[in-house]
Amino acid sequence: MKAIHVSSDKNQNTLSLGPLHHRVYDHMQKIIANPDILLGSDASYATATLDGKEWQNPVVIEKIHDISTSLPHLQDLLVVFFKGAAETWKRFTSESAPGGLSYC
């Protein structure tokens, strides 16, 4: 949402955001392939966030890391969540993909 709100292009719409949609999808795939970028003890906002900027609420991330050892299914659940989100994201953003409505 931050990437959309900080844009100086007042005429942008969902169809013109194809590159951003692609970056979001790629980031979800990166998390699916390696959930430790979010959950690992060396997780860093530089690789875990889409924009590489600091955590919005670092205390929450710290607490998640603190309790993660008591949540044995957390990593599996995170991967399942991102797989479902990526599938849905792809479906909802198909209009801005090459060959979609924005390319007509």
C-alpha atoms as a PDB file:
ATOM      1  CA  MET A   1       0.000   0.000   0.000  1.00  0.00           C
ATOM      2  CA  LYS A   2       2.872   2.351   0.770  1.00  0.00           C
ATOM      3  CA  ALA A   3       4.213   1.994  -2.772  1.00  0.00           C
ATOM      4  CA  ILE A   4       0.851   3.041  -4.195  1.00  0.00           C
ATOM      5  CA  HIS A   5       0.317   5.991  -1.865  1.00  0.00           C
ATOM      6  CA  VAL A   6       3.765   7.533  -2.336  1.00  0.00           C
ATOM      7  CA  SER A   7       3.542   7.525  -6.118  1.00  0.00           C
ATOM      8  CA  SER A   8       3.506  10.947  -7.759  1.00  0.00           C
ATOM      9  CA  ASP A   9       1.435   9.603 -10.672  1.00  0.00           C
ATOM     10  CA  LYS A  10      -2.107  10.789  -9.941  1.00  0.00           C
ATOM     11  CA  ASN A  11      -3.445   8.853 -12.951  1.00  0.00           C
ATOM     12  CA  GLN A  12      -2.235   5.452 -11.831  1.00  0.00           C
ATOM     13  CA  ASN A  13      -4.710   2.656 -11.437  1.00  0.00           C
ATOM     14  CA  THR A  14      -4.594  -1.078 -10.866  1.00  0.00           C
ATOM     15  CA  LEU A  15      -3.903  -1.719 -14.554  1.00  0.00           C
ATOM     16  CA  SER A  16      -0.858   0.562 -14.554  1.00  0.00           C
ATOM     17  CA  LEU A  17       0.611  -1.156 -11.491  1.00  0.00           C
ATOM     18  CA  GLY A  18       1.727  -4.284 -13.359  1.00  0.00           C
ATOM     19  CA  PRO A  19       5.393  -3.982 -12.328  1.00  0.00           C
ATOM     20  CA  LEU A  20       4.438  -3.577  -8.663  1.00  0.00           C
ATOM     21  CA  HIS A  21       2.068  -6.552  -8.868  1.00  0.00           C
ATOM     22  CA  HIS A  22       4.894  -8.610 -10.330  1.00  0.00           C
ATOM     23  CA  ARG A  23       7.288  -7.563  -7.536  1.00  0.00           C
ATOM     24  CA  VAL A  24       4.727  -8.544  -4.881  1.00  0.00           C
ATOM     25  CA  TYR A  25       4.224 -11.943  -6.512  1.00  0.00           C
ATOM     26  CA  ASP A  26       7.982 -12.503  -6.794  1.00  0.00           C
ATOM     27  CA  HIS A  27       8.415 -11.562  -3.135  1.00  0.00           C
ATOM     28  CA  MET A  28       5.763 -14.075  -2.090  1.00  0.00           C
ATOM     29  CA  GLN A  29       7.577 -16.745  -4.112  1.00  0.00           C
ATOM     30  CA  LYS A  30      10.829 -15.824  -2.365  1.00  0.00           C
ATOM     31  CA  ILE A  31       9.182 -16.323   1.041  1.00  0.00           C
ATOM     32  CA  ILE A  32       7.672 -19.648  -0.065  1.00  0.00           C
ATOM     33  CA  ALA A  33      11.096 -20.856  -1.196  1.00  0.00           C
ATOM     34  CA  ASN A  34      12.817 -19.658   1.975  1.00  0.00           C
ATOM     35  CA  PRO A  35      10.520 -18.802   4.908  1.00  0.00           C
ATOM     36  CA  ASP A  36      13.597 -18.195   7.053  1.00  0.00           C
ATOM     37  CA  ILE A  37      13.883 -14.751   5.475  1.00  0.00           C
ATOM     38  CA  LEU A  38      10.950 -13.946   7.779  1.00  0.00           C
ATOM     39  CA  LEU A  39      11.259 -16.513  10.549  1.00  0.00           C
ATOM     40  CA  GLY A  40      14.984 -17.215  10.775  1.00  0.00           C
ATOM     41  CA  SER A  41      17.058 -15.946  13.670  1.00  0.00           C
ATOM     42  CA  ASP A  42      18.988 -13.763  11.224  1.00  0.00           C
ATOM     43  CA  ALA A  43      15.863 -12.426   9.463  1.00  0.00           C
ATOM     44  CA  SER A  44      16.370  -8.871   8.295  1.00  0.00           C
ATOM     45  CA  TYR A  45      13.944  -6.275   7.027  1.00  0.00           C
ATOM     46  CA  ALA A  46      16.400  -5.705   4.167  1.00  0.00           C
ATOM     47  CA  THR A  47      15.409  -9.031   2.577  1.00  0.00           C
ATOM     48  CA  ALA A  48      12.126  -9.819   4.315  1.00  0.00           C
ATOM     49  CA  THR A  49      10.192  -6.706   3.360  1.00  0.00           C
ATOM     50  CA  LEU A  50       9.082  -5.922  -0.171  1.00  0.00           C
ATOM     51  CA  ASP A  51      10.684  -2.483  -0.149  1.00  0.00           C
ATOM     52  CA  GLY A  52      13.758  -3.388   1.924  1.00  0.00           C
ATOM     53  CA  LYS A  53      12.858  -0.762   4.502  1.00  0.00           C
ATOM     54  CA  GLU A  54      12.755  -1.179   8.265  1.00  0.00           C
ATOM     55  CA  TRP A  55       9.985  -3.172   9.947  1.00  0.00           C
ATOM     56  CA  GLN A  56       6.942  -1.008  10.616  1.00  0.00           C
ATOM     57  CA  ASN A  57       6.718  -2.553  14.084  1.00  0.00           C
ATOM     58  CA  PRO A  58       9.981  -4.294  15.043  1.00  0.00           C
ATOM     59  CA  VAL A  59       8.604  -5.287  18.464  1.00  0.00           C
ATOM     60  CA  VAL A  60       6.050  -7.569  16.779  1.00  0.00           C
ATOM     61  CA  ILE A  61       8.771  -9.251  14.723  1.00  0.00           C
ATOM     62  CA  GLU A  62      10.886  -9.705  17.842  1.00  0.00           C
ATOM     63  CA  LYS A  63       7.969 -11.286  19.727  1.00  0.00           C
ATOM     64  CA  ILE A  64       7.233 -13.662  16.859  1.00  0.00           C
ATOM     65  CA  HIS A  65      10.858 -14.763  16.873  1.00  0.00           C
ATOM     66  CA  ASP A  66      10.746 -15.148  20.663  1.00  0.00           C
ATOM     67  CA  ILE A  67       7.801 -17.558  20.565  1.00  0.00           C
ATOM     68  CA  SER A  68       8.517 -19.273  17.241  1.00  0.00           C
ATOM     69  CA  THR A  69      10.233 -22.248  18.894  1.00  0.00           C
ATOM     70  CA  SER A  70       6.993 -23.025  20.722  1.00  0.00           C
ATOM     71  CA  LEU A  71       5.053 -22.969  17.432  1.00  0.00           C
ATOM     72  CA  PRO A  72       6.274 -26.068  15.574  1.00  0.00           C
ATOM     73  CA  HIS A  73       3.935 -25.574  12.601  1.00  0.00           C
ATOM     74  CA  LEU A  74       4.535 -21.848  12.128  1.00  0.00           C
ATOM     75  CA  GLN A  75       6.859 -22.235   9.143  1.00  0.00           C
ATOM     76  CA  ASP A  76       4.561 -24.715   7.392  1.00  0.00           C
ATOM     77  CA  LEU A  77       1.556 -22.461   7.993  1.00  0.00           C
ATOM     78  CA  LEU A  78       3.429 -19.436   6.684  1.00  0.00           C
ATOM     79  CA  VAL A  79       4.325 -21.289   3.479  1.00  0.00           C
ATOM     80  CA  VAL A  80       0.735 -22.500   2.981  1.00  0.00           C
ATOM     81  CA  PHE A  81      -0.539 -18.958   3.568  1.00  0.00           C
ATOM     82  CA  PHE A  82       1.837 -17.464   0.994  1.00  0.00           C
ATOM     83  CA  LYS A  83       1.087 -20.208  -1.545  1.00  0.00           C
ATOM     84  CA  GLY A  84      -2.620 -19.405  -1.289  1.00  0.00           C
ATOM     85  CA  ALA A  85      -1.961 -15.665  -1.345  1.00  0.00           C
ATOM     86  CA  ALA A  86       0.276 -15.992  -4.415  1.00  0.00           C
ATOM     87  CA  GLU A  87      -2.320 -18.042  -6.277  1.00  0.00           C
ATOM     88  CA  THR A  88      -5.018 -15.493  -5.482  1.00  0.00           C
ATOM     89  CA  TRP A  89      -2.704 -12.566  -6.246  1.00  0.00           C
ATOM     90  CA  LYS A  90      -1.950 -13.997  -9.668  1.00  0.00           C
ATOM     91  CA  ARG A  91      -5.651 -14.405 -10.414  1.00  0.00           C
ATOM     92  CA  PHE A  92      -6.587 -10.866  -9.269  1.00  0.00           C
ATOM     93  CA  THR A  93      -3.717  -9.197 -11.094  1.00  0.00           C
ATOM     94  CA  SER A  94      -4.009 -11.058 -14.392  1.00  0.00           C
ATOM     95  CA  GLU A  95      -5.417  -7.927 -16.066  1.00  0.00           C
ATOM     96  CA  SER A  96      -2.135  -6.074 -15.605  1.00  0.00           C
ATOM     97  CA  ALA A  97      -0.010  -8.996 -16.833  1.00  0.00           C
ATOM     98  CA  PRO A  98       1.434  -8.963 -20.359  1.00  0.00           C
ATOM     99  CA  GLY A  99      -1.452  -9.824 -22.663  1.00  0.00           C
ATOM    100  CA  GLY A 100      -4.004  -8.718 -20.053  1.00  0.00           C
ATOM    101  CA  LEU A 101      -6.545  -5.935 -20.423  1.00  0.00           C
ATOM    102  CA  SER A 102      -4.008  -3.184 -19.784  1.00  0.00           C
ATOM    103  CA  TYR A 103      -2.036  -4.338 -22.816  1.00  0.00           C
ATOM    104  CA  CYS A 104      -4.982  -4.315 -25.237  1.00  0.00           C
END
